[in-house]
Amino acid sequence: MMYKVVIIDDEPIIVTGLTRLVPWKKYDCTVVGTAFDGQEGLELIRKERPDIVFSDIYMPKMNGLLMAAAMKSEFEDMEITILTGYRDFELLQQALRLGVRRFILKPSNMGELEEALQVMTEKLKKKGILPEKKEASREASEEENAPEAESQAGSFLVNNAVAFMRENYNRKITLKEVADNTYVSQWHLSKLLNRHTGQSFSELLNSIRVEAAKELLKDPALRVGDVAEAVGFLDLAHFSRVFKKNTGMSANEYRNQIK
């Protein structure tokens, strides 16, 4: 067994160069797949479950930081090195907080790449994930880490998910849509929302809609039915039940109280 490596970059020449020129076997590694955009990269990662990822941070179809957060949140032991052509100190700091191991500026030299590879394989060994008994080590590691520890990556993903919900609460949105925009599975996002907010997806969405409804109810020209529709409820009766559950009073009672 060897450590599995995935390379993700939208520049084919970089993908080809890394695949062919880095002495992978020297570090007990093998490249199991490459991808040319973030979405394709995540699909490959979920399929191959690599130990190590080299990835660009600005690519089509995906925000690189979100992708890094999604990878670290779903695969906690995965080692990640970011490749980028942008000298951005804040981006570097945020990437490191999310669990990225190395941040290499393009064009990179072989010394930097090998140093990153050495550090990542050493970190894997310290976690007990050894190339000669990798599968057994991973199973033990997953048991020790369950339930999944609180992490910067999880918090970052939840903040992005909630921001997306706040921008789109006034229409029909689903857990799948939010998960797709956060680059994690529905199951994983649901788990993260519960851990970081104490609410399920539907509870959180309803609370966002109710807060928006409270603001609209300050306008006496708007009927309760208009408010319900404006915040994303297609059924007035459903809106009324949710509003009362969240506030302890009906929408009309709330409106009378704030007059």
Protein backbone atom coordinates (compact mmCIF):
# COMPACT_ATOMS: atom_id res chain seq x y z
CA MET A 1 0.00 0.00 0.00
CA MET A 2 1.07 3.58 -0.71
CA TYR A 3 -0.29 6.99 0.20
CA LYS A 4 -2.84 8.06 -2.41
CA VAL A 5 -2.42 11.51 -4.00
CA VAL A 6 -4.89 13.62 -6.00
CA ILE A 7 -3.82 16.69 -8.01
CA ILE A 8 -6.33 19.45 -8.88
CA ASP A 9 -5.46 22.42 -11.08
CA ASP A 10 -7.09 24.13 -14.06
CA GLU A 11 -3.73 24.37 -15.84
CA PRO A 12 -3.04 21.02 -17.59
CA ILE A 13 0.68 21.76 -17.84
CA ILE A 14 0.92 21.99 -14.04
CA VAL A 15 -1.06 18.79 -13.52
CA THR A 16 1.12 16.94 -16.03
CA GLY A 17 4.32 18.36 -14.56
CA LEU A 18 3.45 17.41 -10.98
CA THR A 19 2.32 13.94 -12.01
CA ARG A 20 5.47 13.15 -13.98
CA LEU A 21 8.27 15.03 -12.24
CA VAL A 22 7.67 14.70 -8.49
CA PRO A 23 9.44 11.59 -7.11
CA TRP A 24 6.29 10.17 -5.54
CA LYS A 25 7.68 6.69 -4.78
CA LYS A 26 10.47 8.25 -2.71
CA TYR A 27 7.75 9.29 -0.23
CA ASP A 28 5.64 6.10 -0.51
CA CYS A 29 3.06 7.96 -2.63
CA THR A 30 1.21 7.32 -5.86
CA VAL A 31 -1.02 9.66 -7.91
CA VAL A 32 -4.46 8.02 -8.16
CA GLY A 33 -6.22 10.79 -10.09
CA THR A 34 -6.18 14.34 -11.44
CA ALA A 35 -8.88 16.94 -12.02
CA PHE A 36 -9.06 20.31 -13.76
CA ASP A 37 -11.74 22.12 -11.74
CA GLY A 38 -12.94 22.13 -8.17
CA GLN A 39 -16.21 20.27 -8.66
CA GLU A 40 -14.51 17.47 -10.59
CA GLY A 41 -11.82 17.45 -7.92
CA LEU A 42 -14.26 16.96 -5.06
CA GLU A 43 -16.00 14.12 -6.90
CA LEU A 44 -12.62 12.47 -7.42
CA ILE A 45 -11.72 12.92 -3.75
CA ARG A 46 -14.97 11.35 -2.59
CA LYS A 47 -14.36 8.43 -4.93
CA GLU A 48 -10.67 7.81 -4.15
CA ARG A 49 -10.44 9.09 -0.55
CA PRO A 50 -6.79 10.19 -1.02
CA ASP A 51 -4.39 10.82 1.84
CA ILE A 52 -2.82 13.86 0.16
CA VAL A 53 -4.18 16.58 -2.12
CA PHE A 54 -2.28 19.21 -4.12
CA SER A 55 -4.76 21.82 -5.33
CA ASP A 56 -4.97 25.24 -6.90
CA ILE A 57 -7.11 27.70 -4.93
CA TYR A 58 -8.72 29.71 -7.77
CA MET A 59 -10.44 27.45 -10.29
CA PRO A 60 -13.62 27.29 -12.37
CA LYS A 61 -16.76 26.04 -10.61
CA MET A 62 -15.42 26.39 -7.10
CA ASN A 63 -14.06 28.71 -4.44
CA GLY A 64 -10.75 27.18 -3.38
CA LEU A 65 -11.12 27.98 0.31
CA LEU A 66 -14.57 26.42 0.40
CA MET A 67 -13.19 23.35 -1.30
CA ALA A 68 -10.35 23.09 1.23
CA ALA A 69 -12.84 23.48 4.09
CA ALA A 70 -15.13 20.85 2.58
CA MET A 71 -12.23 18.39 2.23
CA LYS A 72 -10.96 18.91 5.79
CA SER A 73 -14.45 18.76 7.24
CA GLU A 74 -15.41 15.51 5.48
CA PHE A 75 -11.95 13.88 5.56
CA GLU A 76 -10.31 15.12 8.72
CA ASP A 77 -7.00 13.28 8.28
CA MET A 78 -6.45 14.40 4.68
CA GLU A 79 -3.29 16.45 4.12
CA ILE A 80 -3.64 19.43 1.75
CA THR A 81 -1.13 21.67 0.00
CA ILE A 82 -2.49 24.71 -1.84
CA LEU A 83 -0.82 25.96 -5.03
CA THR A 84 -1.53 29.54 -6.04
CA GLY A 85 -0.25 32.37 -8.19
CA TYR A 86 -1.63 35.01 -5.79
CA ARG A 87 0.39 36.61 -3.01
CA ASP A 88 -2.40 37.13 -0.51
CA PHE A 89 -1.43 37.06 3.17
CA GLU A 90 -5.03 36.99 4.44
CA LEU A 91 -5.82 34.09 2.12
CA LEU A 92 -2.76 32.27 3.43
CA GLN A 93 -3.80 32.81 7.04
CA GLN A 94 -7.34 31.63 6.41
CA ALA A 95 -6.16 28.54 4.50
CA LEU A 96 -3.84 27.58 7.36
CA ARG A 97 -6.65 28.03 9.90
CA LEU A 98 -8.79 25.68 7.83
CA GLY A 99 -6.18 22.94 8.14
CA VAL A 100 -4.19 23.40 4.93
CA ARG A 101 -0.64 22.11 5.59
CA ARG A 102 1.36 24.08 3.00
CA PHE A 103 0.71 27.14 0.81
CA ILE A 104 3.03 27.24 -2.22
CA LEU A 105 3.29 30.14 -4.66
CA LYS A 106 3.47 29.39 -8.38
CA PRO A 107 5.79 28.86 -10.12
CA SER A 108 6.94 26.38 -7.48
CA ASN A 109 10.26 24.58 -7.46
CA MET A 110 10.89 20.92 -6.79
CA GLY A 111 12.42 21.65 -3.39
CA GLU A 112 9.22 23.29 -2.16
CA LEU A 113 7.05 20.47 -3.48
CA GLU A 114 9.21 17.75 -1.95
CA GLU A 115 9.34 19.61 1.38
CA ALA A 116 5.54 19.81 1.42
CA LEU A 117 5.26 16.15 0.51
CA GLN A 118 7.70 15.13 3.24
CA VAL A 119 5.85 17.18 5.87
CA MET A 120 2.47 15.74 4.86
CA THR A 121 3.62 12.12 4.89
CA GLU A 122 5.27 12.67 8.29
CA LYS A 123 2.02 14.11 9.64
CA LEU A 124 0.12 11.07 8.34
CA LYS A 125 2.57 8.75 10.09
CA LYS A 126 2.19 10.66 13.35
CA LYS A 127 -1.57 10.10 13.09
CA GLY A 128 -0.87 6.39 12.80
CA ILE A 129 -1.75 6.26 9.09
CA LEU A 130 1.08 4.18 7.65
CA PRO A 131 1.38 3.23 3.96
CA GLU A 132 1.88 -0.46 4.71
CA LYS A 133 -1.28 -0.76 6.83
CA LYS A 134 -3.25 2.24 5.72
CA GLU A 135 -6.79 0.86 5.71
CA ALA A 136 -6.60 -0.55 9.23
CA SER A 137 -5.04 2.70 10.49
CA ARG A 138 -7.79 4.78 8.91
CA GLU A 139 -10.52 2.71 10.54
CA ALA A 140 -8.89 3.13 13.94
CA SER A 141 -8.43 6.86 13.36
CA GLU A 142 -12.09 7.33 12.40
CA GLU A 143 -13.23 5.53 15.54
CA GLU A 144 -10.99 7.67 17.75
CA ASN A 145 -12.20 10.90 16.12
CA ALA A 146 -15.94 10.14 16.36
CA PRO A 147 -17.86 12.22 17.04
CA GLU A 148 -15.98 14.60 14.73
CA ALA A 149 -14.18 17.34 16.64
CA GLU A 150 -15.17 20.97 16.38
CA SER A 151 -13.12 22.54 13.60
CA GLN A 152 -12.39 25.77 11.82
CA ALA A 153 -13.33 24.07 8.56
CA GLY A 154 -16.78 23.10 9.84
CA SER A 155 -17.43 26.60 11.16
CA PHE A 156 -16.31 28.14 7.85
CA LEU A 157 -18.68 25.87 5.90
CA VAL A 158 -21.62 26.60 8.19
CA ASN A 159 -21.06 30.35 7.91
CA ASN A 160 -21.11 30.05 4.12
CA ALA A 161 -24.21 27.85 4.19
CA VAL A 162 -26.08 30.29 6.45
CA ALA A 163 -25.02 33.22 4.24
CA PHE A 164 -26.44 31.40 1.21
CA MET A 165 -29.69 30.73 3.10
CA ARG A 166 -30.00 34.39 4.11
CA GLU A 167 -29.56 35.44 0.48
CA ASN A 168 -32.15 32.96 -0.83
CA TYR A 169 -34.71 32.43 1.97
CA ASN A 170 -37.46 34.19 -0.03
CA ARG A 171 -37.73 31.32 -2.52
CA LYS A 172 -37.97 27.57 -2.28
CA ILE A 173 -34.53 26.23 -1.36
CA THR A 174 -33.56 22.72 -0.31
CA LEU A 175 -30.86 21.16 1.81
CA LYS A 176 -29.41 19.69 -1.39
CA GLU A 177 -29.09 23.11 -3.02
CA VAL A 178 -27.35 24.58 0.02
CA ALA A 179 -25.06 21.54 0.30
CA ASP A 180 -24.18 21.78 -3.41
CA ASN A 181 -23.24 25.43 -2.93
CA THR A 182 -21.13 24.53 0.10
CA TYR A 183 -19.49 21.56 -1.67
CA VAL A 184 -20.38 18.93 0.94
CA SER A 185 -22.94 16.13 1.02
CA GLN A 186 -26.44 16.76 2.36
CA TRP A 187 -25.78 14.38 5.24
CA HIS A 188 -22.56 16.12 6.21
CA LEU A 189 -24.03 19.62 6.00
CA SER A 190 -26.99 18.55 8.13
CA LYS A 191 -24.57 17.23 10.75
CA LEU A 192 -22.53 20.45 10.69
CA LEU A 193 -25.61 22.68 11.01
CA ASN A 194 -26.80 20.73 14.03
CA ARG A 195 -23.38 20.86 15.67
CA HIS A 196 -22.68 24.56 15.07
CA THR A 197 -26.18 26.09 15.35
CA GLY A 198 -28.14 23.54 17.36
CA GLN A 199 -30.81 23.54 14.63
CA SER A 200 -31.77 21.34 11.72
CA PHE A 201 -31.77 22.77 8.19
CA SER A 202 -35.55 23.38 8.21
CA GLU A 203 -35.47 24.92 11.70
CA LEU A 204 -32.66 27.27 10.71
CA LEU A 205 -34.35 28.26 7.44
CA ASN A 206 -37.63 28.90 9.26
CA SER A 207 -35.91 31.06 11.88
CA ILE A 208 -34.25 33.13 9.11
CA ARG A 209 -37.64 33.56 7.41
CA VAL A 210 -39.36 34.53 10.66
CA GLU A 211 -36.74 37.19 11.40
CA ALA A 212 -37.30 38.62 7.92
CA ALA A 213 -41.08 38.48 8.46
CA LYS A 214 -40.75 40.48 11.68
CA GLU A 215 -39.16 43.32 9.75
CA LEU A 216 -41.85 43.27 7.06
CA LEU A 217 -44.66 43.21 9.64
CA LYS A 218 -43.57 46.69 10.70
CA ASP A 219 -45.13 47.95 7.45
CA PRO A 220 -48.92 48.22 8.07
CA ALA A 221 -49.56 48.36 4.31
CA LEU A 222 -48.52 44.71 3.95
CA ARG A 223 -51.05 41.98 4.66
CA VAL A 224 -49.89 38.95 6.63
CA GLY A 225 -50.38 36.85 3.50
CA ASP A 226 -48.11 39.19 1.54
CA VAL A 227 -45.45 38.91 4.24
CA ALA A 228 -45.68 35.13 4.27
CA GLU A 229 -45.17 34.97 0.50
CA ALA A 230 -42.35 37.52 0.57
CA VAL A 231 -40.29 35.41 2.98
CA GLY A 232 -40.71 32.16 1.07
CA PHE A 233 -43.87 30.51 2.45
CA LEU A 234 -46.33 29.30 -0.16
CA ASP A 235 -48.93 28.35 2.46
CA LEU A 236 -50.29 31.01 4.86
CA ALA A 237 -51.37 28.38 7.39
CA HIS A 238 -47.86 26.93 7.44
CA PHE A 239 -46.37 30.39 7.90
CA SER A 240 -48.73 31.06 10.79
CA ARG A 241 -47.76 27.82 12.55
CA VAL A 242 -44.05 28.44 12.10
CA PHE A 243 -44.26 32.09 13.18
CA LYS A 244 -46.16 31.22 16.37
CA LYS A 245 -43.79 28.36 17.16
CA ASN A 246 -40.77 30.67 16.82
CA THR A 247 -42.17 33.76 18.56
CA GLY A 248 -44.91 32.46 20.87
CA MET A 249 -47.52 34.67 19.21
CA SER A 250 -49.37 35.04 15.91
CA ALA A 251 -48.19 37.43 13.21
CA ASN A 252 -51.11 39.78 13.94
CA GLU A 253 -50.35 39.72 17.67
CA TYR A 254 -46.72 40.54 16.93
CA ARG A 255 -47.77 43.40 14.64
CA ASN A 256 -50.09 44.84 17.30
CA GLN A 257 -47.36 44.56 19.92
CA ILE A 258 -44.86 46.63 17.93
CA LYS A 259 -47.30 49.40 17.03
